Amino acid sequence: MSAFETILKGDELVLIDFFATWCGPCKMMSPILDQLKKKSGNIVRILKVDVDKNPKIAASYQVRGVPTLVLMKSGTILWRQSGVVELHALEQVLQQHQ
């Protein structure tokens, strides 16, 4: 099992940001995720996955567009959304799944 899979199967909340370096909306998501990390502390672990460098991982999560955010815990997908998601909306999602 890879380190990535080990993290996803753990007990902590994990938010995966599927992105591409050429994607404008992905660049908008980056500072929002930075703010989320500062505000949420240890509530969630944020992993960034470049779909161009990790096409197999992106395909396994059926990522069709970027950015796509996937929230997981214990190997289960709790929430997913494509497109830019505002900070307050992400905070609400985390509160629902803590």
Protein backbone atom coordinates (compact mmCIF):
# COMPACT_ATOMS: atom_id res chain seq x y z
CA MET A 1 0.00 0.00 0.00
CA SER A 2 1.36 3.43 -0.94
CA ALA A 3 1.73 6.29 1.55
CA PHE A 4 -1.17 8.00 -0.27
CA GLU A 5 -3.46 4.98 0.27
CA THR A 6 -2.37 4.66 3.90
CA ILE A 7 -3.33 8.29 4.57
CA LEU A 8 -6.72 7.85 2.88
CA LYS A 9 -7.55 4.76 4.91
CA GLY A 10 -6.70 6.48 8.21
CA ASP A 11 -9.11 7.96 10.74
CA GLU A 12 -8.44 11.60 9.94
CA LEU A 13 -10.40 13.72 7.47
CA VAL A 14 -8.48 14.12 4.21
CA LEU A 15 -9.33 16.71 1.57
CA ILE A 16 -7.82 15.85 -1.81
CA ASP A 17 -7.38 18.73 -4.25
CA PHE A 18 -7.12 17.34 -7.78
CA PHE A 19 -5.55 20.14 -9.82
CA ALA A 20 -3.47 20.99 -12.87
CA THR A 21 -0.73 23.62 -13.10
CA TRP A 22 -2.29 25.13 -16.26
CA CYS A 23 -5.77 25.48 -14.70
CA GLY A 24 -6.90 29.02 -13.82
CA PRO A 25 -9.62 27.99 -11.32
CA CYS A 26 -7.09 25.64 -9.66
CA LYS A 27 -4.84 28.65 -9.03
CA MET A 28 -7.82 30.38 -7.37
CA MET A 29 -8.35 27.34 -5.10
CA SER A 30 -4.80 27.32 -3.75
CA PRO A 31 -5.06 30.37 -1.43
CA ILE A 32 -8.53 29.22 -0.29
CA LEU A 33 -7.05 25.86 0.74
CA ASP A 34 -4.16 27.66 2.49
CA GLN A 35 -6.69 29.69 4.51
CA LEU A 36 -8.68 26.53 5.29
CA LYS A 37 -5.55 24.83 6.61
CA LYS A 38 -4.74 27.82 8.85
CA LYS A 39 -8.28 28.01 10.22
CA SER A 40 -8.94 24.29 10.61
CA GLY A 41 -5.56 23.24 12.01
CA ASN A 42 -5.49 19.49 12.56
CA ILE A 43 -9.15 18.92 11.68
CA VAL A 44 -8.30 18.04 8.09
CA ARG A 45 -5.26 16.98 6.11
CA ILE A 46 -5.05 18.54 2.64
CA LEU A 47 -3.41 16.58 -0.16
CA LYS A 48 -2.76 18.10 -3.57
CA VAL A 49 -2.76 15.73 -6.56
CA ASP A 50 -1.53 17.02 -9.93
CA VAL A 51 -3.70 15.16 -12.45
CA ASP A 52 -1.05 15.45 -15.17
CA LYS A 53 1.61 13.80 -12.98
CA ASN A 54 -0.78 11.27 -11.38
CA PRO A 55 -3.28 10.27 -14.09
CA LYS A 56 -3.94 6.82 -12.57
CA ILE A 57 -4.96 8.31 -9.21
CA ALA A 58 -7.18 10.89 -10.94
CA ALA A 59 -8.78 8.17 -13.06
CA SER A 60 -9.39 5.95 -10.03
CA TYR A 61 -11.41 8.79 -8.47
CA GLN A 62 -13.19 9.49 -11.77
CA VAL A 63 -11.89 13.06 -11.91
CA ARG A 64 -13.23 14.53 -15.15
CA GLY A 65 -12.39 18.18 -14.54
CA VAL A 66 -10.15 20.29 -12.35
CA PRO A 67 -10.25 21.49 -9.71
CA THR A 68 -12.08 18.60 -8.05
CA LEU A 69 -12.16 18.36 -4.26
CA VAL A 70 -12.79 15.02 -2.55
CA LEU A 71 -13.26 14.69 1.23
CA MET A 72 -12.48 11.26 2.65
CA LYS A 73 -12.25 9.46 5.96
CA SER A 74 -11.37 5.81 6.57
CA GLY A 75 -11.21 5.16 2.82
CA THR A 76 -14.77 6.42 2.23
CA ILE A 77 -15.70 9.42 0.08
CA LEU A 78 -17.85 11.73 2.21
CA TRP A 79 -18.18 14.65 -0.23
CA ARG A 80 -16.90 15.77 -3.62
CA GLN A 81 -17.30 18.80 -5.81
CA SER A 82 -15.74 20.16 -8.96
CA GLY A 83 -14.95 23.82 -9.48
CA VAL A 84 -13.88 26.57 -7.11
CA VAL A 85 -15.39 26.21 -3.62
CA GLU A 86 -15.48 29.23 -1.31
CA LEU A 87 -13.80 29.07 2.12
CA HIS A 88 -17.04 29.31 4.14
CA ALA A 89 -18.56 26.45 2.10
CA LEU A 90 -15.51 24.24 2.77
CA GLU A 91 -15.70 25.07 6.49
CA GLN A 92 -19.36 23.99 6.54
CA VAL A 93 -18.51 20.71 4.80
CA LEU A 94 -15.79 20.00 7.40
CA GLN A 95 -18.15 20.77 10.27
CA GLN A 96 -20.74 18.34 8.85
CA HIS A 97 -18.20 15.51 8.66
CA GLN A 98 -16.12 15.96 11.82
